[in-house]
N, C-alpha and C. Protein backbone atom coordinates (compact mmCIF):
# COMPACT_ATOMS: atom_id res chain seq x y z
N UNK A 1 0.84 -1.20 0.00
CA UNK A 1 0.00 0.00 0.00
C UNK A 1 0.89 1.26 0.00
N UNK A 2 0.84 2.01 -1.08
CA UNK A 2 1.59 3.25 -1.18
C UNK A 2 0.74 4.39 -0.63
N UNK A 3 1.32 5.16 0.29
CA UNK A 3 0.62 6.31 0.88
C UNK A 3 1.45 7.57 0.63
N UNK A 4 0.79 8.59 0.10
CA UNK A 4 1.44 9.88 -0.12
C UNK A 4 1.22 10.76 1.10
N UNK A 5 2.32 11.16 1.74
CA UNK A 5 2.24 11.97 2.95
C UNK A 5 2.19 13.45 2.62
N UNK A 6 1.22 13.82 1.79
CA UNK A 6 1.11 15.21 1.36
C UNK A 6 -0.30 15.51 0.88
N UNK A 7 -0.76 16.72 1.18
CA UNK A 7 -2.09 17.14 0.72
C UNK A 7 -1.99 17.89 -0.61
N UNK A 8 -0.78 18.02 -1.16
CA UNK A 8 -0.57 18.78 -2.39
C UNK A 8 -1.34 18.18 -3.56
N UNK A 9 -2.25 18.95 -4.16
CA UNK A 9 -2.97 18.42 -5.33
C UNK A 9 -2.04 18.16 -6.51
N UNK A 10 -0.94 18.93 -6.58
CA UNK A 10 0.00 18.75 -7.68
C UNK A 10 0.75 17.41 -7.55
N UNK A 11 1.16 17.06 -6.33
CA UNK A 11 1.83 15.77 -6.14
C UNK A 11 0.87 14.61 -6.41
N UNK A 12 -0.36 14.79 -5.99
CA UNK A 12 -1.37 13.75 -6.24
C UNK A 12 -1.57 13.56 -7.74
N UNK A 13 -1.67 14.66 -8.48
CA UNK A 13 -1.84 14.58 -9.93
C UNK A 13 -0.65 13.92 -10.61
N UNK A 14 0.57 14.27 -10.16
CA UNK A 14 1.77 13.72 -10.78
C UNK A 14 1.89 12.21 -10.54
N UNK A 15 1.63 11.78 -9.31
CA UNK A 15 1.69 10.34 -9.01
C UNK A 15 0.65 9.57 -9.82
N UNK A 16 -0.54 10.15 -9.95
CA UNK A 16 -1.59 9.53 -10.76
C UNK A 16 -1.17 9.46 -12.21
N UNK A 17 -0.58 10.55 -12.70
CA UNK A 17 -0.11 10.61 -14.08
C UNK A 17 0.92 9.53 -14.37
N UNK A 18 1.75 9.23 -13.36
CA UNK A 18 2.80 8.22 -13.52
C UNK A 18 2.28 6.79 -13.36
N UNK A 19 0.99 6.64 -13.10
CA UNK A 19 0.38 5.32 -13.06
C UNK A 19 0.36 4.64 -11.70
N UNK A 20 0.64 5.39 -10.63
CA UNK A 20 0.66 4.76 -9.31
C UNK A 20 -0.74 4.71 -8.70
N UNK A 21 -0.99 3.66 -7.93
CA UNK A 21 -2.19 3.54 -7.12
C UNK A 21 -1.77 3.83 -5.69
N UNK A 22 -2.44 4.76 -5.04
CA UNK A 22 -2.00 5.18 -3.71
C UNK A 22 -3.14 5.83 -2.94
N UNK A 23 -2.90 6.00 -1.65
CA UNK A 23 -3.81 6.75 -0.78
C UNK A 23 -3.10 8.02 -0.34
N UNK A 24 -3.87 9.00 0.10
CA UNK A 24 -3.30 10.25 0.58
C UNK A 24 -3.57 10.39 2.07
N UNK A 25 -2.51 10.69 2.82
CA UNK A 25 -2.64 10.98 4.25
C UNK A 25 -1.65 12.10 4.56
N UNK A 26 -2.15 13.31 4.64
CA UNK A 26 -1.27 14.47 4.82
C UNK A 26 -0.63 14.48 6.20
N UNK A 27 0.60 14.97 6.24
CA UNK A 27 1.29 15.12 7.53
C UNK A 27 1.08 16.55 8.04
N UNK A 28 1.40 16.76 9.30
CA UNK A 28 1.24 18.10 9.89
C UNK A 28 2.59 18.61 10.41
N UNK A 29 3.67 18.25 9.73
CA UNK A 29 5.01 18.67 10.14
C UNK A 29 5.21 20.15 9.80
N UNK A 30 5.66 20.97 10.75
CA UNK A 30 5.91 22.39 10.44
C UNK A 30 7.08 22.53 9.47
N UNK A 31 6.88 23.37 8.44
CA UNK A 31 7.90 23.52 7.39
C UNK A 31 8.80 24.72 7.70
N UNK A 32 9.65 24.54 8.68
CA UNK A 32 10.55 25.62 9.10
C UNK A 32 11.99 25.13 9.07
N UNK A 33 12.86 25.96 8.51
CA UNK A 33 14.28 25.59 8.44
C UNK A 33 14.96 25.87 9.77
N UNK A 34 16.05 25.13 10.00
CA UNK A 34 16.85 25.33 11.21
C UNK A 34 18.01 26.28 10.88
N UNK A 35 18.53 26.98 11.88
CA UNK A 35 19.64 27.91 11.64
C UNK A 35 20.82 27.21 10.97
N UNK A 36 21.28 27.78 9.86
CA UNK A 36 22.44 27.23 9.17
C UNK A 36 22.17 26.01 8.32
N UNK A 37 20.91 25.61 8.22
CA UNK A 37 20.56 24.40 7.46
C UNK A 37 20.55 24.71 5.96
N UNK A 38 21.32 23.93 5.18
CA UNK A 38 21.36 24.21 3.75
C UNK A 38 20.10 23.67 3.07
N UNK A 39 19.79 24.14 1.85
CA UNK A 39 18.52 23.79 1.20
C UNK A 39 18.28 22.29 1.03
N UNK A 40 19.31 21.55 0.62
CA UNK A 40 19.12 20.11 0.41
C UNK A 40 18.84 19.40 1.74
N UNK A 41 19.59 19.78 2.78
CA UNK A 41 19.38 19.19 4.10
C UNK A 41 17.97 19.52 4.62
N UNK A 42 17.53 20.73 4.38
CA UNK A 42 16.20 21.19 4.81
C UNK A 42 15.11 20.38 4.12
N UNK A 43 15.18 20.30 2.78
CA UNK A 43 14.14 19.61 2.01
C UNK A 43 14.10 18.11 2.33
N UNK A 44 15.27 17.48 2.46
CA UNK A 44 15.28 16.04 2.75
C UNK A 44 14.85 15.75 4.18
N UNK A 45 15.20 16.64 5.11
CA UNK A 45 14.75 16.45 6.51
C UNK A 45 13.23 16.51 6.59
N UNK A 46 12.64 17.50 5.93
CA UNK A 46 11.18 17.63 5.98
C UNK A 46 10.51 16.43 5.32
N UNK A 47 11.04 15.99 4.19
CA UNK A 47 10.47 14.82 3.51
C UNK A 47 10.50 13.61 4.43
N UNK A 48 11.63 13.42 5.12
CA UNK A 48 11.77 12.28 6.03
C UNK A 48 10.83 12.41 7.22
N UNK A 49 10.75 13.60 7.81
CA UNK A 49 9.87 13.78 8.97
C UNK A 49 8.41 13.53 8.60
N UNK A 50 8.00 13.99 7.42
CA UNK A 50 6.63 13.77 6.96
C UNK A 50 6.35 12.28 6.77
N UNK A 51 7.26 11.60 6.09
CA UNK A 51 7.06 10.18 5.81
C UNK A 51 7.06 9.34 7.09
N UNK A 52 7.98 9.64 8.00
CA UNK A 52 8.05 8.87 9.24
C UNK A 52 6.82 9.09 10.10
N UNK A 53 6.33 10.34 10.16
CA UNK A 53 5.15 10.64 10.96
C UNK A 53 3.92 9.90 10.43
N UNK A 54 3.75 9.90 9.12
CA UNK A 54 2.59 9.23 8.54
C UNK A 54 2.73 7.71 8.64
N UNK A 55 3.95 7.19 8.52
CA UNK A 55 4.14 5.74 8.67
C UNK A 55 3.70 5.29 10.06
N UNK A 56 4.05 6.05 11.07
CA UNK A 56 3.64 5.71 12.44
C UNK A 56 2.11 5.76 12.58
N UNK A 57 1.51 6.80 11.98
CA UNK A 57 0.06 6.96 12.08
C UNK A 57 -0.71 5.86 11.34
N UNK A 58 -0.11 5.37 10.25
CA UNK A 58 -0.79 4.40 9.39
C UNK A 58 -0.26 2.97 9.57
N UNK A 59 0.42 2.72 10.68
CA UNK A 59 1.08 1.43 10.89
C UNK A 59 0.13 0.24 10.77
N UNK A 60 -1.14 0.45 11.09
CA UNK A 60 -2.12 -0.64 11.01
C UNK A 60 -2.30 -1.14 9.58
N UNK A 61 -1.94 -0.32 8.59
CA UNK A 61 -2.07 -0.71 7.18
C UNK A 61 -0.93 -1.62 6.72
N UNK A 62 0.08 -1.80 7.58
CA UNK A 62 1.26 -2.58 7.20
C UNK A 62 0.97 -4.07 7.37
N UNK A 63 0.37 -4.64 6.34
CA UNK A 63 0.00 -6.06 6.39
C UNK A 63 0.95 -6.86 5.49
N UNK A 64 1.15 -8.14 5.80
CA UNK A 64 2.16 -8.96 5.10
C UNK A 64 2.02 -8.96 3.58
N UNK A 65 0.80 -9.12 3.06
CA UNK A 65 0.63 -9.25 1.61
C UNK A 65 0.63 -7.91 0.87
N UNK A 66 0.55 -6.82 1.59
CA UNK A 66 0.56 -5.49 0.96
C UNK A 66 1.23 -4.50 1.90
N UNK A 67 2.56 -4.58 2.02
CA UNK A 67 3.29 -3.77 3.00
C UNK A 67 3.09 -2.26 2.79
N UNK A 68 3.05 -1.55 3.90
CA UNK A 68 2.89 -0.09 3.86
C UNK A 68 4.17 0.57 3.37
N UNK A 69 4.02 1.49 2.43
CA UNK A 69 5.13 2.26 1.90
C UNK A 69 4.69 3.71 1.84
N UNK A 70 5.36 4.57 2.62
CA UNK A 70 4.96 5.98 2.70
C UNK A 70 5.95 6.86 1.96
N UNK A 71 5.42 7.73 1.11
CA UNK A 71 6.23 8.67 0.33
C UNK A 71 6.07 10.08 0.91
N UNK A 72 7.17 10.64 1.36
CA UNK A 72 7.18 12.02 1.82
C UNK A 72 7.98 12.87 0.86
N UNK A 73 7.56 14.12 0.66
CA UNK A 73 8.28 15.01 -0.26
C UNK A 73 8.16 16.44 0.21
N UNK A 74 9.17 17.21 -0.10
CA UNK A 74 9.12 18.65 0.18
C UNK A 74 9.90 19.38 -0.91
N UNK A 75 9.34 20.45 -1.41
CA UNK A 75 9.96 21.22 -2.49
C UNK A 75 10.17 22.66 -2.03
N UNK A 76 11.38 23.17 -2.22
CA UNK A 76 11.68 24.55 -1.85
C UNK A 76 12.35 25.26 -3.02
N UNK A 77 12.20 26.56 -3.03
CA UNK A 77 12.83 27.41 -4.03
C UNK A 77 13.96 28.17 -3.35
N UNK A 78 15.09 28.25 -4.04
CA UNK A 78 16.26 28.94 -3.48
C UNK A 78 16.66 30.05 -4.44
N UNK A 79 16.64 31.28 -3.97
CA UNK A 79 16.97 32.42 -4.82
C UNK A 79 18.45 32.39 -5.19
N UNK A 80 18.82 33.23 -6.18
CA UNK A 80 20.22 33.32 -6.59
C UNK A 80 21.10 33.77 -5.43
N UNK A 81 20.50 34.49 -4.47
CA UNK A 81 21.23 34.97 -3.30
C UNK A 81 21.22 33.94 -2.16
N UNK A 82 20.75 32.71 -2.48
CA UNK A 82 20.75 31.58 -1.55
C UNK A 82 19.70 31.68 -0.44
N UNK A 83 18.69 32.51 -0.63
CA UNK A 83 17.60 32.59 0.35
C UNK A 83 16.58 31.50 0.05
N UNK A 84 16.22 30.73 1.08
CA UNK A 84 15.21 29.70 0.92
C UNK A 84 13.83 30.37 0.91
N UNK A 85 13.07 30.09 -0.15
CA UNK A 85 11.74 30.69 -0.30
C UNK A 85 10.68 29.61 -0.17
N UNK A 86 9.93 29.67 0.91
CA UNK A 86 8.83 28.74 1.09
C UNK A 86 7.56 29.32 0.51
N UNK A 87 6.43 28.95 1.08
CA UNK A 87 5.16 29.53 0.63
C UNK A 87 5.01 30.94 1.22
N UNK A 88 4.55 31.90 0.43
CA UNK A 88 4.44 33.27 0.93
C UNK A 88 3.43 33.40 2.07
N UNK A 89 3.77 34.27 3.02
CA UNK A 89 2.88 34.49 4.17
C UNK A 89 1.66 35.32 3.78
N UNK A 90 1.87 36.25 2.84
CA UNK A 90 0.79 37.13 2.40
C UNK A 90 1.16 37.69 1.02
N UNK A 91 0.32 38.60 0.51
CA UNK A 91 0.53 39.16 -0.83
C UNK A 91 1.84 39.92 -0.94
N UNK A 92 2.19 40.66 0.09
CA UNK A 92 3.44 41.45 0.02
C UNK A 92 4.66 40.52 0.03
N UNK A 93 4.57 39.41 0.75
CA UNK A 93 5.65 38.44 0.77
C UNK A 93 5.78 37.77 -0.60
N UNK A 94 4.64 37.48 -1.23
CA UNK A 94 4.65 36.90 -2.57
C UNK A 94 5.31 37.85 -3.56
N UNK A 95 4.98 39.13 -3.45
CA UNK A 95 5.57 40.13 -4.34
C UNK A 95 7.08 40.21 -4.13
N UNK A 96 7.51 40.17 -2.88
CA UNK A 96 8.94 40.22 -2.57
C UNK A 96 9.67 39.03 -3.22
N UNK A 97 9.08 37.85 -3.12
CA UNK A 97 9.71 36.66 -3.70
C UNK A 97 9.82 36.77 -5.21
N UNK A 98 8.75 37.18 -5.85
CA UNK A 98 8.75 37.26 -7.31
C UNK A 98 9.73 38.32 -7.81
N UNK A 99 9.86 39.42 -7.09
CA UNK A 99 10.85 40.43 -7.46
C UNK A 99 12.27 39.86 -7.30
N UNK A 100 12.47 39.04 -6.28
CA UNK A 100 13.77 38.39 -6.07
C UNK A 100 14.14 37.47 -7.23
N UNK A 101 13.15 36.73 -7.73
CA UNK A 101 13.39 35.74 -8.78
C UNK A 101 13.43 36.35 -10.17
N UNK A 102 12.79 37.49 -10.35
CA UNK A 102 12.70 38.15 -11.64
C UNK A 102 14.07 38.45 -12.24
N UNK A 103 14.25 38.07 -13.51
CA UNK A 103 15.47 38.42 -14.23
C UNK A 103 16.70 37.61 -13.87
N UNK A 104 16.52 36.47 -13.23
CA UNK A 104 17.69 35.67 -12.83
C UNK A 104 17.41 34.18 -12.89
N UNK A 105 18.36 33.39 -12.42
CA UNK A 105 18.22 31.94 -12.37
C UNK A 105 18.25 31.49 -10.91
N UNK A 106 17.23 30.76 -10.53
CA UNK A 106 17.16 30.23 -9.17
C UNK A 106 17.11 28.70 -9.23
N UNK A 107 17.17 28.07 -8.09
CA UNK A 107 17.13 26.62 -8.05
C UNK A 107 15.90 26.13 -7.29
N UNK A 108 15.45 24.95 -7.67
CA UNK A 108 14.34 24.29 -6.99
C UNK A 108 14.85 22.95 -6.48
N UNK A 109 14.69 22.72 -5.20
CA UNK A 109 15.17 21.50 -4.56
C UNK A 109 13.99 20.72 -4.00
N UNK A 110 13.93 19.45 -4.34
CA UNK A 110 12.93 18.57 -3.73
C UNK A 110 13.64 17.49 -2.92
N UNK A 111 13.17 17.28 -1.72
CA UNK A 111 13.60 16.15 -0.92
C UNK A 111 12.54 15.08 -1.04
N UNK A 112 12.96 13.83 -1.16
CA UNK A 112 12.03 12.70 -1.29
C UNK A 112 12.44 11.63 -0.29
N UNK A 113 11.46 11.05 0.39
CA UNK A 113 11.76 9.99 1.35
C UNK A 113 10.72 8.87 1.26
N UNK A 114 11.20 7.63 1.30
CA UNK A 114 10.34 6.47 1.37
C UNK A 114 10.57 5.77 2.70
N UNK A 115 9.49 5.41 3.38
CA UNK A 115 9.59 4.69 4.64
C UNK A 115 8.74 3.43 4.57
N UNK A 116 9.35 2.31 4.92
CA UNK A 116 8.63 1.04 5.05
C UNK A 116 9.21 0.31 6.25
N UNK A 117 8.65 -0.83 6.58
CA UNK A 117 9.19 -1.57 7.73
C UNK A 117 10.60 -2.09 7.46
N UNK A 118 10.99 -2.11 6.18
CA UNK A 118 12.32 -2.64 5.85
C UNK A 118 13.40 -1.55 5.82
N UNK A 119 12.99 -0.29 5.96
CA UNK A 119 14.00 0.76 6.00
C UNK A 119 13.53 2.11 5.48
N UNK A 120 14.48 3.02 5.38
CA UNK A 120 14.20 4.39 4.95
C UNK A 120 15.16 4.76 3.82
N UNK A 121 14.63 5.37 2.77
CA UNK A 121 15.45 5.86 1.67
C UNK A 121 15.19 7.35 1.49
N UNK A 122 16.26 8.12 1.34
CA UNK A 122 16.14 9.56 1.16
C UNK A 122 16.96 9.98 -0.06
N UNK A 123 16.40 10.89 -0.86
CA UNK A 123 17.12 11.39 -2.03
C UNK A 123 16.65 12.83 -2.30
N UNK A 124 17.35 13.50 -3.21
CA UNK A 124 16.96 14.87 -3.56
C UNK A 124 17.14 15.11 -5.05
N UNK A 125 16.46 16.11 -5.56
CA UNK A 125 16.54 16.49 -6.97
C UNK A 125 16.73 18.00 -7.04
N UNK A 126 17.56 18.44 -7.99
CA UNK A 126 17.85 19.88 -8.14
C UNK A 126 17.59 20.30 -9.57
N UNK A 127 16.83 21.38 -9.75
CA UNK A 127 16.54 21.93 -11.07
C UNK A 127 16.82 23.43 -11.04
N UNK A 128 17.42 23.93 -12.11
CA UNK A 128 17.66 25.38 -12.23
C UNK A 128 16.61 26.00 -13.15
N UNK A 129 16.05 27.10 -12.71
CA UNK A 129 14.96 27.76 -13.43
C UNK A 129 15.36 29.20 -13.74
N UNK A 130 15.27 29.59 -15.02
CA UNK A 130 15.58 30.96 -15.42
C UNK A 130 14.29 31.72 -15.68
N UNK A 131 14.19 32.91 -15.10
CA UNK A 131 13.01 33.77 -15.27
C UNK A 131 13.40 35.04 -16.01
N UNK A 132 12.48 35.50 -16.86
CA UNK A 132 12.67 36.79 -17.49
C UNK A 132 12.42 37.89 -16.46
N UNK A 133 12.71 39.12 -16.83
CA UNK A 133 12.40 40.24 -15.95
C UNK A 133 10.90 40.49 -15.98
N UNK A 134 10.30 40.53 -14.82
CA UNK A 134 8.83 40.67 -14.72
C UNK A 134 8.49 42.08 -14.25
N UNK A 135 7.62 42.75 -14.98
CA UNK A 135 7.20 44.10 -14.61
C UNK A 135 6.41 44.07 -13.31
N UNK A 136 6.55 45.13 -12.52
CA UNK A 136 5.87 45.21 -11.22
C UNK A 136 4.36 45.04 -11.35
N UNK A 137 3.78 45.63 -12.40
CA UNK A 137 2.33 45.51 -12.57
C UNK A 137 1.91 44.08 -12.92
N UNK A 138 2.79 43.35 -13.61
CA UNK A 138 2.50 41.94 -13.92
C UNK A 138 2.50 41.11 -12.64
N UNK A 139 3.46 41.40 -11.77
CA UNK A 139 3.53 40.70 -10.49
C UNK A 139 2.28 40.96 -9.68
N UNK A 140 1.86 42.21 -9.62
CA UNK A 140 0.65 42.58 -8.86
C UNK A 140 -0.58 41.87 -9.43
N UNK A 141 -0.67 41.83 -10.76
CA UNK A 141 -1.81 41.19 -11.41
C UNK A 141 -1.83 39.69 -11.11
N UNK A 142 -0.65 39.06 -11.14
CA UNK A 142 -0.55 37.62 -10.86
C UNK A 142 -0.94 37.32 -9.42
N UNK A 143 -0.50 38.14 -8.50
CA UNK A 143 -0.82 37.92 -7.08
C UNK A 143 -2.33 38.03 -6.84
N UNK A 144 -2.98 38.92 -7.58
CA UNK A 144 -4.44 39.09 -7.41
C UNK A 144 -5.21 37.83 -7.82
N UNK A 145 -4.61 36.96 -8.64
CA UNK A 145 -5.30 35.72 -9.01
C UNK A 145 -5.33 34.73 -7.85
N UNK A 146 -4.44 34.93 -6.87
CA UNK A 146 -4.37 34.02 -5.73
C UNK A 146 -3.49 32.81 -5.98
N UNK A 147 -3.06 32.61 -7.22
CA UNK A 147 -2.27 31.42 -7.58
C UNK A 147 -0.96 31.28 -6.82
N UNK A 148 -0.24 32.38 -6.52
CA UNK A 148 1.06 32.23 -5.86
C UNK A 148 1.00 31.83 -4.39
N UNK A 149 -0.16 31.95 -3.76
CA UNK A 149 -0.19 31.94 -2.30
C UNK A 149 0.13 30.60 -1.64
N UNK A 150 -0.08 29.49 -2.32
CA UNK A 150 0.25 28.20 -1.69
C UNK A 150 1.39 27.50 -2.41
N UNK A 151 2.23 28.29 -3.09
CA UNK A 151 3.34 27.73 -3.86
C UNK A 151 4.68 28.22 -3.30
N UNK A 152 5.63 27.31 -3.18
CA UNK A 152 6.98 27.70 -2.79
C UNK A 152 7.54 28.65 -3.84
N UNK A 153 8.11 29.77 -3.39
CA UNK A 153 8.63 30.76 -4.32
C UNK A 153 7.57 31.61 -4.97
N UNK A 154 6.32 31.40 -4.61
CA UNK A 154 5.18 32.22 -5.06
C UNK A 154 4.86 32.09 -6.55
N UNK A 155 5.14 30.91 -7.13
CA UNK A 155 4.73 30.72 -8.53
C UNK A 155 4.56 29.24 -8.82
N UNK A 156 3.80 28.96 -9.89
CA UNK A 156 3.62 27.58 -10.37
C UNK A 156 4.07 27.54 -11.83
N UNK A 157 5.07 26.73 -12.12
CA UNK A 157 5.61 26.67 -13.47
C UNK A 157 4.58 26.16 -14.47
N UNK A 158 3.61 25.36 -13.99
CA UNK A 158 2.62 24.79 -14.89
C UNK A 158 1.42 25.72 -15.09
N UNK A 159 1.46 26.89 -14.47
CA UNK A 159 0.35 27.84 -14.60
C UNK A 159 0.74 29.09 -15.36
N UNK A 160 0.13 30.19 -14.98
CA UNK A 160 0.33 31.49 -15.66
C UNK A 160 1.81 31.88 -15.69
N UNK A 161 2.54 31.56 -14.63
CA UNK A 161 3.95 31.96 -14.53
C UNK A 161 4.83 31.31 -15.58
N UNK A 162 4.33 30.31 -16.29
CA UNK A 162 5.11 29.66 -17.35
C UNK A 162 5.57 30.67 -18.40
N UNK A 163 4.82 31.75 -18.57
CA UNK A 163 5.15 32.76 -19.58
C UNK A 163 6.46 33.48 -19.26
N UNK A 164 6.92 33.39 -18.00
CA UNK A 164 8.15 34.08 -17.59
C UNK A 164 9.35 33.15 -17.52
N UNK A 165 9.17 31.89 -17.92
CA UNK A 165 10.25 30.90 -17.75
C UNK A 165 10.71 30.38 -19.12
N UNK A 166 11.75 30.99 -19.68
CA UNK A 166 12.23 30.58 -21.01
C UNK A 166 13.00 29.27 -21.01
N UNK A 167 13.59 28.90 -19.87
CA UNK A 167 14.37 27.66 -19.84
C UNK A 167 14.53 27.12 -18.42
N UNK A 168 14.70 25.82 -18.36
CA UNK A 168 15.08 25.17 -17.10
C UNK A 168 16.21 24.20 -17.40
N UNK A 169 16.95 23.84 -16.38
CA UNK A 169 17.99 22.82 -16.52
C UNK A 169 17.74 21.79 -15.42
N UNK A 170 17.27 20.60 -15.85
CA UNK A 170 16.93 19.57 -14.88
C UNK A 170 15.52 19.07 -15.07
N UNK A 171 14.99 18.43 -14.06
CA UNK A 171 13.67 17.80 -14.12
C UNK A 171 12.54 18.83 -14.00
N UNK A 172 11.69 18.89 -15.02
CA UNK A 172 10.55 19.81 -15.00
C UNK A 172 9.58 19.46 -13.87
N UNK A 173 9.31 18.17 -13.69
CA UNK A 173 8.33 17.75 -12.70
C UNK A 173 8.78 18.08 -11.28
N UNK A 174 10.09 18.18 -11.10
CA UNK A 174 10.62 18.61 -9.80
C UNK A 174 10.12 20.00 -9.46
N UNK A 175 10.05 20.87 -10.45
CA UNK A 175 9.60 22.24 -10.22
C UNK A 175 8.09 22.26 -9.94
N UNK A 176 7.36 21.34 -10.55
CA UNK A 176 5.92 21.24 -10.28
C UNK A 176 5.69 20.75 -8.84
N UNK A 177 6.60 19.89 -8.34
CA UNK A 177 6.45 19.46 -6.95
C UNK A 177 6.87 18.03 -6.63
N UNK A 178 7.21 17.25 -7.68
CA UNK A 178 7.61 15.87 -7.42
C UNK A 178 8.45 15.36 -8.59
N UNK A 179 9.72 15.05 -8.36
CA UNK A 179 10.57 14.55 -9.44
C UNK A 179 10.19 13.12 -9.80
N UNK A 180 9.38 12.97 -10.83
CA UNK A 180 8.73 11.69 -11.12
C UNK A 180 9.70 10.55 -11.44
N UNK A 181 10.73 10.81 -12.22
CA UNK A 181 11.66 9.73 -12.57
C UNK A 181 12.37 9.21 -11.33
N UNK A 182 12.81 10.11 -10.48
CA UNK A 182 13.48 9.72 -9.23
C UNK A 182 12.52 8.94 -8.33
N UNK A 183 11.33 9.46 -8.16
CA UNK A 183 10.34 8.82 -7.30
C UNK A 183 9.97 7.43 -7.82
N UNK A 184 9.77 7.33 -9.13
CA UNK A 184 9.42 6.03 -9.73
C UNK A 184 10.50 5.00 -9.47
N UNK A 185 11.74 5.38 -9.68
CA UNK A 185 12.87 4.48 -9.44
C UNK A 185 12.92 4.02 -7.98
N UNK A 186 12.72 4.98 -7.06
CA UNK A 186 12.75 4.66 -5.64
C UNK A 186 11.60 3.76 -5.23
N UNK A 187 10.38 4.10 -5.65
CA UNK A 187 9.20 3.33 -5.26
C UNK A 187 9.25 1.91 -5.82
N UNK A 188 9.59 1.80 -7.10
CA UNK A 188 9.62 0.47 -7.71
C UNK A 188 10.71 -0.40 -7.08
N UNK A 189 11.85 0.22 -6.75
CA UNK A 189 12.92 -0.52 -6.09
C UNK A 189 12.51 -1.01 -4.72
N UNK A 190 11.88 -0.13 -3.94
CA UNK A 190 11.44 -0.50 -2.59
C UNK A 190 10.33 -1.55 -2.66
N UNK A 191 9.39 -1.39 -3.58
CA UNK A 191 8.30 -2.37 -3.71
C UNK A 191 8.84 -3.76 -4.08
N UNK A 192 9.87 -3.78 -4.94
CA UNK A 192 10.47 -5.07 -5.33
C UNK A 192 11.11 -5.75 -4.12
N UNK A 193 11.79 -4.96 -3.29
CA UNK A 193 12.41 -5.53 -2.09
C UNK A 193 11.37 -6.04 -1.10
N UNK A 194 10.28 -5.28 -0.97
CA UNK A 194 9.21 -5.71 -0.06
C UNK A 194 8.55 -6.99 -0.55
N UNK A 195 8.39 -7.11 -1.88
CA UNK A 195 7.79 -8.34 -2.43
C UNK A 195 8.70 -9.54 -2.18
N UNK A 196 10.02 -9.33 -2.28
CA UNK A 196 10.96 -10.41 -2.00
C UNK A 196 10.87 -10.87 -0.55
N UNK A 197 10.69 -9.89 0.35
CA UNK A 197 10.56 -10.22 1.76
C UNK A 197 9.31 -11.05 2.01
N UNK A 198 8.21 -10.66 1.36
CA UNK A 198 6.95 -11.40 1.52
C UNK A 198 7.10 -12.81 1.01
N UNK A 199 7.75 -12.95 -0.17
CA UNK A 199 7.96 -14.29 -0.76
C UNK A 199 8.84 -15.14 0.12
N UNK A 200 9.92 -14.55 0.63
CA UNK A 200 10.85 -15.29 1.51
C UNK A 200 10.16 -15.74 2.79
N UNK A 201 9.31 -14.88 3.34
CA UNK A 201 8.62 -15.23 4.59
C UNK A 201 7.61 -16.34 4.40
N UNK A 202 7.10 -16.45 3.15
CA UNK A 202 6.08 -17.47 2.87
C UNK A 202 6.68 -18.87 2.68
N UNK A 203 8.00 -18.90 2.51
CA UNK A 203 8.65 -20.21 2.29
C UNK A 203 9.40 -20.67 3.54
C-alpha cells in the first residue's frame, strides 16, 4: 500500500499521471528551516519527517501481503542569493519573492523519502529555473489571481507563470512538486524488495 504523505494536489496529480495507485494521508510537520541548514538538508529532513510521521500513524495498514510504503516530499525554491523561499505568508511576501526571482536563475530542490518496515530511503533532486524580468504591474496582477499563495517561491511553473520561464535545466516535474523519474525508481525498487521479503517469509 503506497501512501502519499502530502495534501498537495500537484503531487497527487503527478503520481496519478505516472500510473501509481496510492492513498493520501497528509502530515502536519511544520515547514521551518533550522539555523544554518542548507537547502538540500532542509528539504530532505522535511520529507523524512513527513514520511516517518505518517508511517507511524498508518502502521495498522502494514500487512504482510501489501506492506505499507509511505512517500514524503518537500519542495523549496532557493533564490540566486541563496535565500530559501517557502510559501508566501501574504501578498506582500509573494511580491517580494517574485521580485527576487525576476530576471535571474534560481534553483528548486525537492527532498524525497520512502519509509517502510524494511528501511528508509532519502534522495533529492535539483533543477535550475531561469526567469525573465517581470514588470511590477504583472507581479501585482498575478498575485491578485491568488495562484502564488500556496506555492513555494510564489509561482507555479505549470500555470500562468510559465510565460516568464524561457528555460530550465533539470527535471521539469521537480519544479511542479515531485521529481517523477526519481520517485518512480525509488518506489519500484522499494516495492520489489518488499515483495521479495513477503515471498521469503512465505517459504
